Amino acid sequence: MNMQTVPTFFSYVIDGEIAGVNSGHMCKDNHYRSRGLYVFPNFRGKGIGTILLRATIAQAMVEGAVLCWSYPRKSSWKSYLTAGFELATEWEISETSDSNAYCKIHL
């Protein structure tokens, strides 16, 4: 198992309704994994994904990580790019209906 600590869960709430979520956890190599970013369709296009990613990056820094990484879908790449992530691999077909690639941000 690659988890070293208890995961942290994030949510973005608008008028009492959850608009989006993400989670993250420290890995054995002092890298922090961001996983599970999801913004509900009626809230997309408002920067919520980027806000959640920035909160995840901030938590990674609090926990002493040197790098934050993820494996996003290509359809959500704009949020990661806006939050400061860079691609670490090429896009590849995964078990989902979308392509994925590893991305990272040095802290």
PDB file of N, CA and C in Angstrom:
ATOM      1  N   MET A   1       0.851  -1.183   0.000  1.00  0.00           N
ATOM      2  CA  MET A   1       0.000   0.000   0.000  1.00  0.00           C
ATOM      3  C   MET A   1       0.893   1.241   0.000  1.00  0.00           C
ATOM      4  N   ASN A   2       0.514   2.233  -0.761  1.00  0.00           N
ATOM      5  CA  ASN A   2       1.305   3.440  -0.920  1.00  0.00           C
ATOM      6  C   ASN A   2       0.903   4.543   0.057  1.00  0.00           C
ATOM      7  N   MET A   3      -0.105   4.312   0.866  1.00  0.00           N
ATOM      8  CA  MET A   3      -0.548   5.356   1.795  1.00  0.00           C
ATOM      9  C   MET A   3       0.276   5.317   3.071  1.00  0.00           C
ATOM     10  N   GLN A   4       0.711   6.494   3.491  1.00  0.00           N
ATOM     11  CA  GLN A   4       1.509   6.605   4.702  1.00  0.00           C
ATOM     12  C   GLN A   4       0.701   7.261   5.824  1.00  0.00           C
ATOM     13  N   THR A   5      -0.278   8.064   5.467  1.00  0.00           N
ATOM     14  CA  THR A   5      -1.060   8.796   6.462  1.00  0.00           C
ATOM     15  C   THR A   5      -2.545   8.663   6.166  1.00  0.00           C
ATOM     16  N   VAL A   6      -3.326   9.202   7.047  1.00  0.00           N
ATOM     17  CA  VAL A   6      -4.781   9.239   6.865  1.00  0.00           C
ATOM     18  C   VAL A   6      -5.098  10.212   5.731  1.00  0.00           C
ATOM     19  N   PRO A   7      -5.994   9.860   4.822  1.00  0.00           N
ATOM     20  CA  PRO A   7      -6.327  10.777   3.733  1.00  0.00           C
ATOM     21  C   PRO A   7      -7.094  12.000   4.236  1.00  0.00           C
ATOM     22  N   THR A   8      -7.022  13.050   3.453  1.00  0.00           N
ATOM     23  CA  THR A   8      -7.785  14.266   3.717  1.00  0.00           C
ATOM     24  C   THR A   8      -8.836  14.397   2.627  1.00  0.00           C
ATOM     25  N   PHE A   9     -10.050  14.763   3.015  1.00  0.00           N
ATOM     26  CA  PHE A   9     -11.151  14.911   2.064  1.00  0.00           C
ATOM     27  C   PHE A   9     -11.564  16.374   1.996  1.00  0.00           C
ATOM     28  N   PHE A  10     -11.810  16.833   0.782  1.00  0.00           N
ATOM     29  CA  PHE A  10     -12.176  18.220   0.531  1.00  0.00           C
ATOM     30  C   PHE A  10     -13.533  18.270  -0.155  1.00  0.00           C
ATOM     31  N   SER A  11     -14.314  19.288   0.167  1.00  0.00           N
ATOM     32  CA  SER A  11     -15.555  19.520  -0.567  1.00  0.00           C
ATOM     33  C   SER A  11     -15.720  21.024  -0.752  1.00  0.00           C
ATOM     34  N   TYR A  12     -16.375  21.376  -1.833  1.00  0.00           N
ATOM     35  CA  TYR A  12     -16.719  22.766  -2.117  1.00  0.00           C
ATOM     36  C   TYR A  12     -18.239  22.825  -2.105  1.00  0.00           C
ATOM     37  N   VAL A  13     -18.783  23.646  -1.219  1.00  0.00           N
ATOM     38  CA  VAL A  13     -20.216  23.702  -0.999  1.00  0.00           C
ATOM     39  C   VAL A  13     -20.754  25.070  -1.406  1.00  0.00           C
ATOM     40  N   ILE A  14     -21.841  25.058  -2.161  1.00  0.00           N
ATOM     41  CA  ILE A  14     -22.526  26.291  -2.573  1.00  0.00           C
ATOM     42  C   ILE A  14     -23.974  26.192  -2.102  1.00  0.00           C
ATOM     43  N   ASP A  15     -24.390  27.139  -1.283  1.00  0.00           N
ATOM     44  CA  ASP A  15     -25.766  27.172  -0.762  1.00  0.00           C
ATOM     45  C   ASP A  15     -26.197  25.824  -0.184  1.00  0.00           C
ATOM     46  N   GLY A  16     -25.304  25.220   0.584  1.00  0.00           N
ATOM     47  CA  GLY A  16     -25.613  23.963   1.251  1.00  0.00           C
ATOM     48  C   GLY A  16     -25.535  22.735   0.364  1.00  0.00           C
ATOM     49  N   GLU A  17     -25.167  22.902  -0.889  1.00  0.00           N
ATOM     50  CA  GLU A  17     -25.076  21.781  -1.829  1.00  0.00           C
ATOM     51  C   GLU A  17     -23.619  21.524  -2.196  1.00  0.00           C
ATOM     52  N   ILE A  18     -23.216  20.263  -2.154  1.00  0.00           N
ATOM     53  CA  ILE A  18     -21.854  19.914  -2.538  1.00  0.00           C
ATOM     54  C   ILE A  18     -21.708  20.106  -4.042  1.00  0.00           C
ATOM     55  N   ALA A  19     -20.773  20.981  -4.424  1.00  0.00           N
ATOM     56  CA  ALA A  19     -20.525  21.268  -5.839  1.00  0.00           C
ATOM     57  C   ALA A  19     -19.402  20.408  -6.387  1.00  0.00           C
ATOM     58  N   GLY A  20     -18.435  20.048  -5.531  1.00  0.00           N
ATOM     59  CA  GLY A  20     -17.297  19.253  -5.968  1.00  0.00           C
ATOM     60  C   GLY A  20     -16.546  18.689  -4.783  1.00  0.00           C
ATOM     61  N   VAL A  21     -15.720  17.682  -5.073  1.00  0.00           N
ATOM     62  CA  VAL A  21     -14.948  17.000  -4.025  1.00  0.00           C
ATOM     63  C   VAL A  21     -13.570  16.614  -4.552  1.00  0.00           C
ATOM     64  N   ASN A  22     -12.665  16.366  -3.656  1.00  0.00           N
ATOM     65  CA  ASN A  22     -11.358  15.797  -3.952  1.00  0.00           C
ATOM     66  C   ASN A  22     -10.815  15.187  -2.667  1.00  0.00           C
ATOM     67  N   SER A  23      -9.773  14.399  -2.802  1.00  0.00           N
ATOM     68  CA  SER A  23      -9.098  13.862  -1.623  1.00  0.00           C
ATOM     69  C   SER A  23      -7.619  13.762  -1.927  1.00  0.00           C
ATOM     70  N   GLY A  24      -6.839  13.547  -0.889  1.00  0.00           N
ATOM     71  CA  GLY A  24      -5.402  13.404  -1.063  1.00  0.00           C
ATOM     72  C   GLY A  24      -4.801  12.661   0.105  1.00  0.00           C
ATOM     73  N   HIS A  25      -3.629  12.094  -0.129  1.00  0.00           N
ATOM     74  CA  HIS A  25      -2.925  11.409   0.952  1.00  0.00           C
ATOM     75  C   HIS A  25      -1.430  11.389   0.664  1.00  0.00           C
ATOM     76  N   MET A  26      -0.656  11.345   1.733  1.00  0.00           N
ATOM     77  CA  MET A  26       0.792  11.254   1.633  1.00  0.00           C
ATOM     78  C   MET A  26       1.166   9.830   1.247  1.00  0.00           C
ATOM     79  N   CYS A  27       2.172   9.712   0.396  1.00  0.00           N
ATOM     80  CA  CYS A  27       2.695   8.408  -0.022  1.00  0.00           C
ATOM     81  C   CYS A  27       4.041   8.166   0.664  1.00  0.00           C
ATOM     82  N   LYS A  28       4.534   6.954   0.574  1.00  0.00           N
ATOM     83  CA  LYS A  28       5.776   6.569   1.234  1.00  0.00           C
ATOM     84  C   LYS A  28       6.975   7.406   0.796  1.00  0.00           C
ATOM     85  N   ASP A  29       6.960   7.878  -0.426  1.00  0.00           N
ATOM     86  CA  ASP A  29       8.104   8.605  -0.976  1.00  0.00           C
ATOM     87  C   ASP A  29       8.053  10.115  -0.719  1.00  0.00           C
ATOM     88  N   ASN A  30       7.227  10.545   0.228  1.00  0.00           N
ATOM     89  CA  ASN A  30       7.047  11.968   0.546  1.00  0.00           C
ATOM     90  C   ASN A  30       6.411  12.740  -0.607  1.00  0.00           C
ATOM     91  N   HIS A  31       5.716  11.987  -1.462  1.00  0.00           N
ATOM     92  CA  HIS A  31       4.909  12.583  -2.509  1.00  0.00           C
ATOM     93  C   HIS A  31       3.457  12.482  -2.070  1.00  0.00           C
ATOM     94  N   TYR A  32       2.668  13.470  -2.433  1.00  0.00           N
ATOM     95  CA  TYR A  32       1.266  13.529  -2.023  1.00  0.00           C
ATOM     96  C   TYR A  32       0.391  13.229  -3.232  1.00  0.00           C
ATOM     97  N   ARG A  33      -0.531  12.314  -3.094  1.00  0.00           N
ATOM     98  CA  ARG A  33      -1.404  11.967  -4.202  1.00  0.00           C
ATOM     99  C   ARG A  33      -2.737  12.684  -4.092  1.00  0.00           C
ATOM    100  N   SER A  34      -3.111  13.368  -5.153  1.00  0.00           N
ATOM    101  CA  SER A  34      -4.443  13.952  -5.283  1.00  0.00           C
ATOM    102  C   SER A  34      -5.282  12.955  -6.064  1.00  0.00           C
ATOM    103  N   ARG A  35      -6.441  12.602  -5.511  1.00  0.00           N
ATOM    104  CA  ARG A  35      -7.273  11.627  -6.223  1.00  0.00           C
ATOM    105  C   ARG A  35      -8.753  11.861  -5.961  1.00  0.00           C
ATOM    106  N   GLY A  36      -9.530  11.565  -6.970  1.00  0.00           N
ATOM    107  CA  GLY A  36     -10.980  11.635  -6.793  1.00  0.00           C
ATOM    108  C   GLY A  36     -11.594  12.990  -7.083  1.00  0.00           C
ATOM    109  N   LEU A  37     -10.903  13.837  -7.822  1.00  0.00           N
ATOM    110  CA  LEU A  37     -11.486  15.145  -8.146  1.00  0.00           C
ATOM    111  C   LEU A  37     -12.764  14.942  -8.945  1.00  0.00           C
ATOM    112  N   TYR A  38     -13.846  15.548  -8.481  1.00  0.00           N
ATOM    113  CA  TYR A  38     -15.119  15.488  -9.199  1.00  0.00           C
ATOM    114  C   TYR A  38     -15.901  16.761  -8.926  1.00  0.00           C
ATOM    115  N   VAL A  39     -16.365  17.371  -9.983  1.00  0.00           N
ATOM    116  CA  VAL A  39     -17.250  18.531  -9.879  1.00  0.00           C
ATOM    117  C   VAL A  39     -18.560  18.137 -10.548  1.00  0.00           C
ATOM    118  N   PHE A  40     -19.658  18.309  -9.851  1.00  0.00           N
ATOM    119  CA  PHE A  40     -20.955  17.943 -10.397  1.00  0.00           C
ATOM    120  C   PHE A  40     -21.251  18.773 -11.645  1.00  0.00           C
ATOM    121  N   PRO A  41     -21.868  18.156 -12.651  1.00  0.00           N
ATOM    122  CA  PRO A  41     -22.047  18.808 -13.956  1.00  0.00           C
ATOM    123  C   PRO A  41     -22.641  20.217 -13.908  1.00  0.00           C
ATOM    124  N   ASN A  42     -23.616  20.454 -13.048  1.00  0.00           N
ATOM    125  CA  ASN A  42     -24.243  21.781 -13.015  1.00  0.00           C
ATOM    126  C   ASN A  42     -23.347  22.857 -12.383  1.00  0.00           C
ATOM    127  N   PHE A  43     -22.176  22.475 -11.859  1.00  0.00           N
ATOM    128  CA  PHE A  43     -21.239  23.440 -11.276  1.00  0.00           C
ATOM    129  C   PHE A  43     -19.939  23.552 -12.069  1.00  0.00           C
ATOM    130  N   ARG A  44     -19.833  22.848 -13.155  1.00  0.00           N
ATOM    131  CA  ARG A  44     -18.591  22.868 -13.949  1.00  0.00           C
ATOM    132  C   ARG A  44     -18.413  24.200 -14.667  1.00  0.00           C
ATOM    133  N   GLY A  45     -17.154  24.521 -14.967  1.00  0.00           N
ATOM    134  CA  GLY A  45     -16.840  25.754 -15.678  1.00  0.00           C
ATOM    135  C   GLY A  45     -16.759  26.974 -14.789  1.00  0.00           C
ATOM    136  N   LYS A  46     -16.725  26.774 -13.479  1.00  0.00           N
ATOM    137  CA  LYS A  46     -16.685  27.890 -12.523  1.00  0.00           C
ATOM    138  C   LYS A  46     -15.380  27.930 -11.730  1.00  0.00           C
ATOM    139  N   GLY A  47     -14.414  27.074 -12.072  1.00  0.00           N
ATOM    140  CA  GLY A  47     -13.130  27.063 -11.385  1.00  0.00           C
ATOM    141  C   GLY A  47     -13.106  26.261 -10.103  1.00  0.00           C
ATOM    142  N   ILE A  48     -14.149  25.519  -9.822  1.00  0.00           N
ATOM    143  CA  ILE A  48     -14.229  24.762  -8.571  1.00  0.00           C
ATOM    144  C   ILE A  48     -13.170  23.659  -8.523  1.00  0.00           C
ATOM    145  N   GLY A  49     -12.933  22.998  -9.646  1.00  0.00           N
ATOM    146  CA  GLY A  49     -11.904  21.957  -9.685  1.00  0.00           C
ATOM    147  C   GLY A  49     -10.537  22.513  -9.324  1.00  0.00           C
ATOM    148  N   THR A  50     -10.216  23.670  -9.866  1.00  0.00           N
ATOM    149  CA  THR A  50      -8.933  24.308  -9.562  1.00  0.00           C
ATOM    150  C   THR A  50      -8.849  24.689  -8.088  1.00  0.00           C
ATOM    151  N   ILE A  51      -9.923  25.199  -7.536  1.00  0.00           N
ATOM    152  CA  ILE A  51      -9.948  25.558  -6.106  1.00  0.00           C
ATOM    153  C   ILE A  51      -9.689  24.320  -5.251  1.00  0.00           C
ATOM    154  N   LEU A  52     -10.339  23.213  -5.577  1.00  0.00           N
ATOM    155  CA  LEU A  52     -10.137  21.973  -4.826  1.00  0.00           C
ATOM    156  C   LEU A  52      -8.708  21.458  -4.971  1.00  0.00           C
ATOM    157  N   LEU A  53      -8.151  21.560  -6.161  1.00  0.00           N
ATOM    158  CA  LEU A  53      -6.759  21.130  -6.357  1.00  0.00           C
ATOM    159  C   LEU A  53      -5.799  22.011  -5.570  1.00  0.00           C
ATOM    160  N   ARG A  54      -6.037  23.301  -5.536  1.00  0.00           N
ATOM    161  CA  ARG A  54      -5.159  24.196  -4.764  1.00  0.00           C
ATOM    162  C   ARG A  54      -5.253  23.908  -3.273  1.00  0.00           C
ATOM    163  N   ALA A  55      -6.435  23.536  -2.801  1.00  0.00           N
ATOM    164  CA  ALA A  55      -6.579  23.144  -1.391  1.00  0.00           C
ATOM    165  C   ALA A  55      -5.800  21.854  -1.124  1.00  0.00           C
ATOM    166  N   THR A  56      -5.812  20.943  -2.077  1.00  0.00           N
ATOM    167  CA  THR A  56      -5.068  19.691  -1.945  1.00  0.00           C
ATOM    168  C   THR A  56      -3.569  19.959  -1.932  1.00  0.00           C
ATOM    169  N   ILE A  57      -3.112  20.837  -2.802  1.00  0.00           N
ATOM    170  CA  ILE A  57      -1.694  21.211  -2.833  1.00  0.00           C
ATOM    171  C   ILE A  57      -1.287  21.849  -1.504  1.00  0.00           C
ATOM    172  N   ALA A  58      -2.134  22.718  -0.971  1.00  0.00           N
ATOM    173  CA  ALA A  58      -1.841  23.365   0.316  1.00  0.00           C
ATOM    174  C   ALA A  58      -1.728  22.323   1.424  1.00  0.00           C
ATOM    175  N   GLN A  59      -2.610  21.326   1.424  1.00  0.00           N
ATOM    176  CA  GLN A  59      -2.545  20.264   2.432  1.00  0.00           C
ATOM    177  C   GLN A  59      -1.272  19.452   2.272  1.00  0.00           C
ATOM    178  N   ALA A  60      -0.882  19.195   1.020  1.00  0.00           N
ATOM    179  CA  ALA A  60       0.372  18.472   0.771  1.00  0.00           C
ATOM    180  C   ALA A  60       1.547  19.224   1.378  1.00  0.00           C
ATOM    181  N   MET A  61       1.546  20.534   1.244  1.00  0.00           N
ATOM    182  CA  MET A  61       2.622  21.347   1.816  1.00  0.00           C
ATOM    183  C   MET A  61       2.598  21.294   3.345  1.00  0.00           C
ATOM    184  N   VAL A  62       1.409  21.345   3.929  1.00  0.00           N
ATOM    185  CA  VAL A  62       1.276  21.250   5.386  1.00  0.00           C
ATOM    186  C   VAL A  62       1.861  19.931   5.888  1.00  0.00           C
ATOM    187  N   GLU A  63       1.648  18.869   5.129  1.00  0.00           N
ATOM    188  CA  GLU A  63       2.137  17.544   5.533  1.00  0.00           C
ATOM    189  C   GLU A  63       3.594  17.306   5.146  1.00  0.00           C
ATOM    190  N   GLY A  64       4.248  18.295   4.537  1.00  0.00           N
ATOM    191  CA  GLY A  64       5.671  18.198   4.248  1.00  0.00           C
ATOM    192  C   GLY A  64       6.023  17.476   2.958  1.00  0.00           C
ATOM    193  N   ALA A  65       5.078  17.373   2.045  1.00  0.00           N
ATOM    194  CA  ALA A  65       5.364  16.713   0.767  1.00  0.00           C
ATOM    195  C   ALA A  65       6.298  17.569  -0.079  1.00  0.00           C
ATOM    196  N   VAL A  66       7.059  16.913  -0.924  1.00  0.00           N
ATOM    197  CA  VAL A  66       7.956  17.623  -1.840  1.00  0.00           C
ATOM    198  C   VAL A  66       7.365  17.701  -3.249  1.00  0.00           C
ATOM    199  N   LEU A  67       6.300  16.910  -3.473  1.00  0.00           N
ATOM    200  CA  LEU A  67       5.676  16.851  -4.789  1.00  0.00           C
ATOM    201  C   LEU A  67       4.236  16.394  -4.601  1.00  0.00           C
ATOM    202  N   CYS A  68       3.356  16.887  -5.442  1.00  0.00           N
ATOM    203  CA  CYS A  68       1.962  16.427  -5.466  1.00  0.00           C
ATOM    204  C   CYS A  68       1.712  15.869  -6.859  1.00  0.00           C
ATOM    205  N   TRP A  69       1.063  14.707  -6.945  1.00  0.00           N
ATOM    206  CA  TRP A  69       0.823  14.081  -8.241  1.00  0.00           C
ATOM    207  C   TRP A  69      -0.604  13.570  -8.340  1.00  0.00           C
ATOM    208  N   SER A  70      -1.005  13.295  -9.572  1.00  0.00           N
ATOM    209  CA  SER A  70      -2.334  12.759  -9.811  1.00  0.00           C
ATOM    210  C   SER A  70      -2.348  12.012 -11.136  1.00  0.00           C
ATOM    211  N   TYR A  71      -3.466  11.406 -11.457  1.00  0.00           N
ATOM    212  CA  TYR A  71      -3.659  10.643 -12.695  1.00  0.00           C
ATOM    213  C   TYR A  71      -5.009  11.045 -13.288  1.00  0.00           C
ATOM    214  N   PRO A  72      -5.131  12.308 -13.702  1.00  0.00           N
ATOM    215  CA  PRO A  72      -6.444  12.824 -14.111  1.00  0.00           C
ATOM    216  C   PRO A  72      -6.895  12.332 -15.484  1.00  0.00           C
ATOM    217  N   ARG A  73      -8.173  12.469 -15.698  1.00  0.00           N
ATOM    218  CA  ARG A  73      -8.749  12.268 -17.024  1.00  0.00           C
ATOM    219  C   ARG A  73      -8.395  13.472 -17.885  1.00  0.00           C
ATOM    220  N   LYS A  74      -8.263  13.221 -19.158  1.00  0.00           N
ATOM    221  CA  LYS A  74      -7.939  14.298 -20.087  1.00  0.00           C
ATOM    222  C   LYS A  74      -9.008  15.390 -20.072  1.00  0.00           C
ATOM    223  N   SER A  75     -10.253  15.005 -19.859  1.00  0.00           N
ATOM    224  CA  SER A  75     -11.351  15.971 -19.849  1.00  0.00           C
ATOM    225  C   SER A  75     -11.263  16.959 -18.684  1.00  0.00           C
ATOM    226  N   SER A  76     -10.493  16.632 -17.640  1.00  0.00           N
ATOM    227  CA  SER A  76     -10.357  17.550 -16.501  1.00  0.00           C
ATOM    228  C   SER A  76      -8.987  18.226 -16.463  1.00  0.00           C
ATOM    229  N   TRP A  77      -8.171  18.019 -17.483  1.00  0.00           N
ATOM    230  CA  TRP A  77      -6.803  18.532 -17.494  1.00  0.00           C
ATOM    231  C   TRP A  77      -6.723  20.041 -17.297  1.00  0.00           C
ATOM    232  N   LYS A  78      -7.656  20.799 -17.834  1.00  0.00           N
ATOM    233  CA  LYS A  78      -7.608  22.263 -17.719  1.00  0.00           C
ATOM    234  C   LYS A  78      -7.532  22.700 -16.253  1.00  0.00           C
ATOM    235  N   SER A  79      -8.270  22.052 -15.390  1.00  0.00           N
ATOM    236  CA  SER A  79      -8.231  22.404 -13.957  1.00  0.00           C
ATOM    237  C   SER A  79      -6.856  22.145 -13.361  1.00  0.00           C
ATOM    238  N   TYR A  80      -6.250  21.029 -13.720  1.00  0.00           N
ATOM    239  CA  TYR A  80      -4.920  20.686 -13.207  1.00  0.00           C
ATOM    240  C   TYR A  80      -3.874  21.665 -13.730  1.00  0.00           C
ATOM    241  N   LEU A  81      -3.950  21.954 -15.002  1.00  0.00           N
ATOM    242  CA  LEU A  81      -3.007  22.899 -15.612  1.00  0.00           C
ATOM    243  C   LEU A  81      -3.119  24.272 -14.955  1.00  0.00           C
ATOM    244  N   THR A  82      -4.332  24.726 -14.738  1.00  0.00           N
ATOM    245  CA  THR A  82      -4.558  26.025 -14.094  1.00  0.00           C
ATOM    246  C   THR A  82      -4.039  26.036 -12.665  1.00  0.00           C
ATOM    247  N   ALA A  83      -4.099  24.892 -11.983  1.00  0.00           N
ATOM    248  CA  ALA A  83      -3.602  24.790 -10.602  1.00  0.00           C
ATOM    249  C   ALA A  83      -2.083  24.670 -10.538  1.00  0.00           C
ATOM    250  N   GLY A  84      -1.412  24.510 -11.695  1.00  0.00           N
ATOM    251  CA  GLY A  84       0.044  24.481 -11.710  1.00  0.00           C
ATOM    252  C   GLY A  84       0.681  23.131 -11.995  1.00  0.00           C
ATOM    253  N   PHE A  85      -0.128  22.101 -12.246  1.00  0.00           N
ATOM    254  CA  PHE A  85       0.422  20.780 -12.552  1.00  0.00           C
ATOM    255  C   PHE A  85       1.030  20.771 -13.952  1.00  0.00           C
ATOM    256  N   GLU A  86       1.999  19.871 -14.150  1.00  0.00           N
ATOM    257  CA  GLU A  86       2.578  19.654 -15.472  1.00  0.00           C
ATOM    258  C   GLU A  86       2.476  18.165 -15.786  1.00  0.00           C
ATOM    259  N   LEU A  87       2.354  17.845 -17.057  1.00  0.00           N
ATOM    260  CA  LEU A  87       2.275  16.439 -17.451  1.00  0.00           C
ATOM    261  C   LEU A  87       3.596  15.743 -17.185  1.00  0.00           C
ATOM    262  N   ALA A  88       3.522  14.513 -16.693  1.00  0.00           N
ATOM    263  CA  ALA A  88       4.715  13.704 -16.444  1.00  0.00           C
ATOM    264  C   ALA A  88       4.781  12.517 -17.402  1.00  0.00           C
ATOM    265  N   THR A  89       3.663  12.195 -18.068  1.00  0.00           N
ATOM    266  CA  THR A  89       3.610  11.108 -19.043  1.00  0.00           C
ATOM    267  C   THR A  89       2.713  11.540 -20.194  1.00  0.00           C
ATOM    268  N   GLU A  90       2.689  10.720 -21.220  1.00  0.00           N
ATOM    269  CA  GLU A  90       1.757  10.921 -22.331  1.00  0.00           C
ATOM    270  C   GLU A  90       0.371  10.443 -21.896  1.00  0.00           C
ATOM    271  N   TRP A  91      -0.654  10.900 -22.608  1.00  0.00           N
ATOM    272  CA  TRP A  91      -2.016  10.434 -22.358  1.00  0.00           C
ATOM    273  C   TRP A  91      -2.124   8.994 -22.827  1.00  0.00           C
ATOM    274  N   GLU A  92      -2.799   8.163 -22.016  1.00  0.00           N
ATOM    275  CA  GLU A  92      -2.980   6.761 -22.357  1.00  0.00           C
ATOM    276  C   GLU A  92      -4.419   6.346 -22.094  1.00  0.00           C
ATOM    277  N   ILE A  93      -4.882   5.404 -22.862  1.00  0.00           N
ATOM    278  CA  ILE A  93      -6.229   4.881 -22.655  1.00  0.00           C
ATOM    279  C   ILE A  93      -6.212   4.053 -21.371  1.00  0.00           C
ATOM    280  N   SER A  94      -7.193   4.300 -20.512  1.00  0.00           N
ATOM    281  CA  SER A  94      -7.272   3.556 -19.254  1.00  0.00           C
ATOM    282  C   SER A  94      -8.581   2.780 -19.220  1.00  0.00           C
ATOM    283  N   GLU A  95      -8.884   2.241 -18.072  1.00  0.00           N
ATOM    284  CA  GLU A  95     -10.120   1.464 -17.932  1.00  0.00           C
ATOM    285  C   GLU A  95     -11.362   2.353 -17.958  1.00  0.00           C
ATOM    286  N   THR A  96     -11.182   3.651 -17.860  1.00  0.00           N
ATOM    287  CA  THR A  96     -12.315   4.570 -17.952  1.00  0.00           C
ATOM    288  C   THR A  96     -12.596   4.862 -19.420  1.00  0.00           C
ATOM    289  N   SER A  97     -13.572   5.649 -19.671  1.00  0.00           N
ATOM    290  CA  SER A  97     -13.917   6.001 -21.049  1.00  0.00           C
ATOM    291  C   SER A  97     -13.078   7.168 -21.559  1.00  0.00           C
ATOM    292  N   ASP A  98     -12.120   7.592 -20.804  1.00  0.00           N
ATOM    293  CA  ASP A  98     -11.298   8.746 -21.146  1.00  0.00           C
ATOM    294  C   ASP A  98      -9.827   8.356 -21.074  1.00  0.00           C
ATOM    295  N   SER A  99      -8.971   9.198 -21.606  1.00  0.00           N
ATOM    296  CA  SER A  99      -7.529   8.997 -21.469  1.00  0.00           C
ATOM    297  C   SER A  99      -7.067   9.599 -20.145  1.00  0.00           C
ATOM    298  N   ASN A 100      -5.990   9.049 -19.615  1.00  0.00           N
ATOM    299  CA  ASN A 100      -5.390   9.558 -18.382  1.00  0.00           C
ATOM    300  C   ASN A 100      -3.891   9.737 -18.604  1.00  0.00           C
ATOM    301  N   ALA A 101      -3.289  10.597 -17.777  1.00  0.00           N
ATOM    302  CA  ALA A 101      -1.846  10.782 -17.768  1.00  0.00           C
ATOM    303  C   ALA A 101      -1.425  11.165 -16.357  1.00  0.00           C
ATOM    304  N   TYR A 102      -0.218  10.807 -15.987  1.00  0.00           N
ATOM    305  CA  TYR A 102       0.301  11.248 -14.697  1.00  0.00           C
ATOM    306  C   TYR A 102       0.718  12.714 -14.829  1.00  0.00           C
ATOM    307  N   CYS A 103       0.456  13.456 -13.763  1.00  0.00           N
ATOM    308  CA  CYS A 103       0.885  14.850 -13.721  1.00  0.00           C
ATOM    309  C   CYS A 103       1.431  15.131 -12.330  1.00  0.00           C
ATOM    310  N   LYS A 104       2.202  16.221 -12.220  1.00  0.00           N
ATOM    311  CA  LYS A 104       2.832  16.525 -10.941  1.00  0.00           C
ATOM    312  C   LYS A 104       3.044  18.024 -10.797  1.00  0.00           C
ATOM    313  N   ILE A 105       3.238  18.422  -9.549  1.00  0.00           N
ATOM    314  CA  ILE A 105       3.647  19.787  -9.243  1.00  0.00           C
ATOM    315  C   ILE A 105       4.663  19.697  -8.114  1.00  0.00           C
ATOM    316  N   HIS A 106       5.834  20.290  -8.324  1.00  0.00           N
ATOM    317  CA  HIS A 106       6.856  20.308  -7.277  1.00  0.00           C
ATOM    318  C   HIS A 106       6.489  21.369  -6.260  1.00  0.00           C
ATOM    319  N   LEU A 107       6.661  21.036  -4.994  1.00  0.00           N
ATOM    320  CA  LEU A 107       6.278  21.952  -3.904  1.00  0.00           C
ATOM    321  C   LEU A 107       7.497  22.587  -3.271  1.00  0.00           C
TER     322      LEU A 107
END
